[in-house]
N, C-alpha and C. Protein backbone atom coordinates (compact mmCIF):
# COMPACT_ATOMS: atom_id res chain seq x y z
N MET A 1 137.75 -20.97 112.87
CA MET A 1 136.44 -21.68 114.18
C MET A 1 136.94 -23.12 114.10
N PRO A 2 136.39 -22.64 116.21
CA PRO A 2 136.62 -24.47 116.85
C PRO A 2 136.03 -25.60 115.10
N ASN A 3 136.93 -26.30 115.83
CA ASN A 3 136.20 -27.71 114.60
C ASN A 3 134.91 -28.49 115.85
N ASN A 4 134.01 -27.52 116.60
CA ASN A 4 132.89 -28.61 117.46
C ASN A 4 131.76 -28.10 116.86
N PHE A 5 132.25 -26.51 115.53
CA PHE A 5 131.21 -26.10 114.83
C PHE A 5 130.86 -27.18 113.77
N SER A 6 129.48 -27.60 113.46
CA SER A 6 129.19 -28.29 112.43
C SER A 6 129.70 -27.05 110.75
N PRO A 7 129.41 -28.16 109.87
CA PRO A 7 129.78 -27.23 108.21
C PRO A 7 128.68 -26.49 108.17
N TYR A 8 127.79 -26.61 108.82
CA TYR A 8 126.08 -25.73 108.67
C TYR A 8 126.00 -24.69 109.00
N GLN A 9 126.82 -24.46 110.86
CA GLN A 9 127.17 -24.13 111.93
C GLN A 9 128.07 -22.76 111.15
N LYS A 10 128.94 -23.05 110.99
CA LYS A 10 129.92 -22.56 110.51
C LYS A 10 130.23 -21.61 109.21
N ASN A 11 128.76 -22.13 108.57
CA ASN A 11 128.52 -20.78 107.31
C ASN A 11 127.94 -20.10 107.18
N VAL A 12 126.28 -20.89 108.69
CA VAL A 12 125.23 -19.26 109.02
C VAL A 12 126.69 -18.44 110.26
N ILE A 13 127.33 -19.42 110.18
CA ILE A 13 128.19 -18.43 111.27
C ILE A 13 129.32 -16.59 110.27
N LYS A 14 130.20 -17.14 109.40
CA LYS A 14 130.50 -16.40 108.29
C LYS A 14 129.72 -16.10 107.42
N SER A 15 127.76 -16.22 107.17
CA SER A 15 127.63 -15.63 106.41
C SER A 15 127.08 -14.18 107.29
N TYR A 16 126.94 -14.55 108.70
CA TYR A 16 126.32 -13.23 109.52
C TYR A 16 127.19 -12.75 109.11
N TYR A 17 128.76 -13.36 109.68
CA TYR A 17 130.02 -11.79 109.45
C TYR A 17 129.91 -11.04 108.37
N ASP A 18 129.75 -11.21 106.82
CA ASP A 18 129.84 -10.93 105.97
C ASP A 18 128.96 -10.50 105.48
N ASN A 19 127.72 -10.55 106.06
CA ASN A 19 126.71 -9.43 105.87
C ASN A 19 126.05 -8.40 106.49
N LEU A 20 127.39 -8.41 108.15
CA LEU A 20 127.03 -7.57 109.11
C LEU A 20 127.12 -6.47 108.93
N ASP A 21 127.38 -4.99 108.28
CA ASP A 21 127.24 -4.13 107.63
C ASP A 21 125.63 -4.07 107.17
N LYS A 22 125.26 -4.67 106.36
CA LYS A 22 124.02 -5.04 105.48
C LYS A 22 123.10 -5.04 107.29
N ILE A 23 122.73 -5.69 108.13
CA ILE A 23 122.12 -6.07 109.15
C ILE A 23 122.71 -4.83 109.92
N SER A 24 124.03 -4.31 110.31
CA SER A 24 123.01 -3.30 110.64
C SER A 24 122.93 -1.32 110.43
N LEU A 25 122.72 -2.14 109.16
CA LEU A 25 122.60 -1.06 108.67
C LEU A 25 120.87 -1.24 108.93
N THR A 26 120.04 -2.42 109.02
CA THR A 26 119.06 -2.70 108.43
C THR A 26 118.49 -1.96 110.06
N ARG A 27 119.53 -2.60 111.84
CA ARG A 27 119.05 -2.33 112.53
C ARG A 27 118.70 -0.36 113.28
N LEU A 28 120.12 0.37 112.03
CA LEU A 28 119.84 1.35 112.34
C LEU A 28 118.33 2.15 111.75
N GLN A 29 118.05 1.63 110.78
CA GLN A 29 116.41 1.91 109.76
C GLN A 29 115.17 1.42 110.85
N GLU A 30 115.85 0.61 112.10
CA GLU A 30 114.82 0.22 113.03
C GLU A 30 114.72 0.95 113.96
N LEU A 31 115.93 1.94 114.37
CA LEU A 31 116.20 2.55 115.27
C LEU A 31 115.52 4.26 114.73
N VAL A 32 115.18 4.30 113.91
CA VAL A 32 115.05 5.67 113.00
C VAL A 32 113.65 5.32 113.35
N THR A 33 112.66 4.42 113.55
CA THR A 33 111.85 4.21 113.71
C THR A 33 111.37 4.06 115.17
N GLU A 34 111.37 3.44 115.80
CA GLU A 34 111.74 3.75 117.48
C GLU A 34 111.74 4.58 118.16
N ILE A 35 112.89 5.83 117.42
CA ILE A 35 113.25 7.32 117.67
C ILE A 35 111.98 8.16 117.78
N TYR A 36 111.29 7.46 116.53
CA TYR A 36 110.14 8.58 116.18
C TYR A 36 109.03 7.91 117.00
N LEU A 37 108.77 7.28 117.61
CA LEU A 37 107.90 6.57 118.41
C LEU A 37 108.06 6.87 119.58
N ALA A 38 109.25 6.68 119.64
CA ALA A 38 109.10 7.07 121.20
C ALA A 38 108.46 7.84 122.47
N PRO A 39 107.97 7.45 123.18
CA PRO A 39 107.25 8.30 123.84
C PRO A 39 108.14 9.41 124.78
N LEU A 40 108.94 8.92 125.60
CA LEU A 40 109.58 9.67 126.42
C LEU A 40 110.78 9.97 126.21
N PRO A 41 111.39 10.86 126.86
CA PRO A 41 113.05 11.44 126.69
C PRO A 41 113.77 11.13 126.77
N ASP A 42 113.65 9.65 128.10
CA ASP A 42 114.58 9.41 128.40
C ASP A 42 115.21 7.66 127.33
N LYS A 43 113.42 7.12 126.68
CA LYS A 43 113.88 5.97 126.11
C LYS A 43 114.37 6.04 124.90
N LYS A 44 114.51 8.24 124.65
CA LYS A 44 114.60 8.28 122.75
C LYS A 44 116.79 8.26 123.54
N ALA A 45 117.25 9.07 124.76
CA ALA A 45 118.51 9.56 124.70
C ALA A 45 118.92 7.56 124.77
N LYS A 46 118.69 6.73 124.66
CA LYS A 46 118.86 5.04 124.79
C LYS A 46 118.86 4.97 123.71
N LEU A 47 118.23 4.95 122.90
CA LEU A 47 118.04 4.38 121.55
C LEU A 47 119.47 5.01 120.12
N TRP A 48 119.43 6.96 121.18
CA TRP A 48 120.17 7.79 120.46
C TRP A 48 121.85 6.67 121.02
N LYS A 49 121.74 6.36 122.29
CA LYS A 49 123.14 5.61 122.16
C LYS A 49 123.08 4.16 121.56
N GLN A 50 122.70 3.67 121.14
CA GLN A 50 122.04 2.48 120.37
C GLN A 50 122.52 2.93 119.12
N VAL A 51 122.63 4.12 118.60
CA VAL A 51 122.62 4.51 117.11
C VAL A 51 123.87 5.18 116.98
N ALA A 52 124.45 5.69 118.53
CA ALA A 52 125.92 5.93 118.26
C ALA A 52 126.47 4.65 118.72
N SER A 53 126.52 3.31 118.95
CA SER A 53 126.91 1.91 118.48
C SER A 53 127.85 1.56 117.38
N TYR A 54 125.96 1.54 116.45
CA TYR A 54 126.29 1.49 115.19
C TYR A 54 127.23 1.92 114.41
N LEU A 55 126.83 3.38 114.42
CA LEU A 55 127.45 3.77 113.73
C LEU A 55 129.05 3.94 113.95
N LYS A 56 130.07 3.35 115.43
CA LYS A 56 131.23 3.06 115.80
C LYS A 56 131.53 1.97 114.75
N LYS A 57 130.11 0.98 114.41
CA LYS A 57 130.30 -0.35 114.00
C LYS A 57 130.59 -0.65 112.37
N LEU A 58 129.87 0.50 112.09
CA LEU A 58 129.78 0.63 110.39
C LEU A 58 130.78 1.62 110.51
N LYS A 59 131.66 2.12 110.92
CA LYS A 59 132.65 2.65 110.68
C LYS A 59 132.87 3.93 109.85
N ILE A 60 131.19 4.62 110.52
CA ILE A 60 130.53 5.90 109.63
C ILE A 60 131.90 6.90 109.65
N ASN A 61 132.24 7.64 109.35
CA ASN A 61 133.11 9.35 109.09
C ASN A 61 132.96 9.77 109.95
N ALA A 62 133.64 9.52 111.08
CA ALA A 62 133.43 10.95 112.74
C ALA A 62 132.84 11.96 112.44
N GLN A 63 133.21 12.43 111.49
CA GLN A 63 132.55 14.06 112.02
C GLN A 63 130.91 13.49 111.23
N ILE A 64 130.64 13.40 110.92
CA ILE A 64 129.29 13.20 110.11
C ILE A 64 127.98 11.83 111.24
N ALA A 65 129.00 11.47 111.75
CA ALA A 65 129.03 10.78 112.84
C ALA A 65 128.33 11.90 113.84
N GLN A 66 129.04 12.34 114.29
CA GLN A 66 128.87 13.19 115.70
C GLN A 66 127.73 14.64 115.11
N HIS A 67 127.87 15.05 113.62
CA HIS A 67 126.13 15.93 113.65
C HIS A 67 125.28 15.27 113.23
N ILE A 68 124.83 13.51 113.02
CA ILE A 68 123.93 12.73 113.62
C ILE A 68 123.47 13.15 114.85
N LEU A 69 124.75 12.68 115.70
CA LEU A 69 124.29 12.59 117.32
C LEU A 69 123.70 13.71 117.45
N LYS A 70 124.87 15.10 116.53
CA LYS A 70 124.75 16.21 118.34
C LYS A 70 123.01 16.88 117.41
N GLN A 71 122.54 16.67 116.31
CA GLN A 71 121.43 17.20 115.86
C GLN A 71 121.09 16.30 116.07
N GLN A 72 120.87 14.69 116.13
CA GLN A 72 119.42 14.08 117.20
C GLN A 72 118.37 14.47 115.90
N ASP A 73 117.91 14.45 114.71
CA ASP A 73 116.34 13.73 114.45
C ASP A 73 116.81 13.04 113.20
N PRO A 74 115.89 12.18 113.40
CA PRO A 74 115.77 11.12 113.16
C PRO A 74 116.00 11.02 111.80
N LYS A 75 114.90 12.09 111.25
CA LYS A 75 115.76 12.51 109.52
C LYS A 75 116.44 12.50 108.91
N LEU A 76 117.52 12.85 109.35
CA LEU A 76 118.56 13.48 108.89
C LEU A 76 119.21 12.50 108.83
N LEU A 77 119.04 11.00 110.12
CA LEU A 77 119.78 10.07 110.18
C LEU A 77 119.30 9.06 109.32
N ALA A 78 117.71 8.56 109.02
CA ALA A 78 116.54 8.11 107.57
C ALA A 78 117.86 8.88 106.64
N GLU A 79 118.45 9.47 106.36
CA GLU A 79 118.41 10.56 104.81
C GLU A 79 119.87 9.64 104.53
N HIS A 80 120.31 9.65 105.57
CA HIS A 80 122.42 8.82 105.46
C HIS A 80 121.81 7.43 105.41
N ILE A 81 121.27 6.97 106.09
CA ILE A 81 121.16 5.27 106.05
C ILE A 81 120.48 4.84 104.52
N THR A 82 119.41 6.13 103.38
CA THR A 82 119.77 5.54 102.37
C THR A 82 120.33 6.38 101.75
N ASP A 83 121.71 6.58 101.39
CA ASP A 83 122.68 7.26 101.05
C ASP A 83 123.82 5.83 101.26
N TRP A 84 123.63 5.50 102.44
CA TRP A 84 124.39 4.31 102.94
C TRP A 84 124.06 3.08 102.17
N LEU A 85 123.15 2.79 101.88
CA LEU A 85 122.38 1.86 101.34
C LEU A 85 122.56 1.67 100.06
N LYS A 86 122.91 2.94 99.46
CA LYS A 86 122.30 2.24 98.18
C LYS A 86 124.66 2.40 98.12
N LYS A 87 125.25 2.45 98.63
CA LYS A 87 126.77 2.76 98.38
C LYS A 87 126.41 0.50 98.26
């Protein structure tokens, strides 16, 4: 890291990257809720694109990710998130 960060800032940055998986899973949980509540198909499509992005960030098995994205079922996504959180 550059030397222009204070020790506190370096610690915050390190903590963020150490917990990135948990942060991404939390965001996926939020997306499940947003998908359930989204009134318009266009909004849901945009949210599913975000889901795809987070699945890629988390390096989820490609077959599982494709299945989730093909089904576009928030309940299915929520079940997988629950399993991933247990790990």
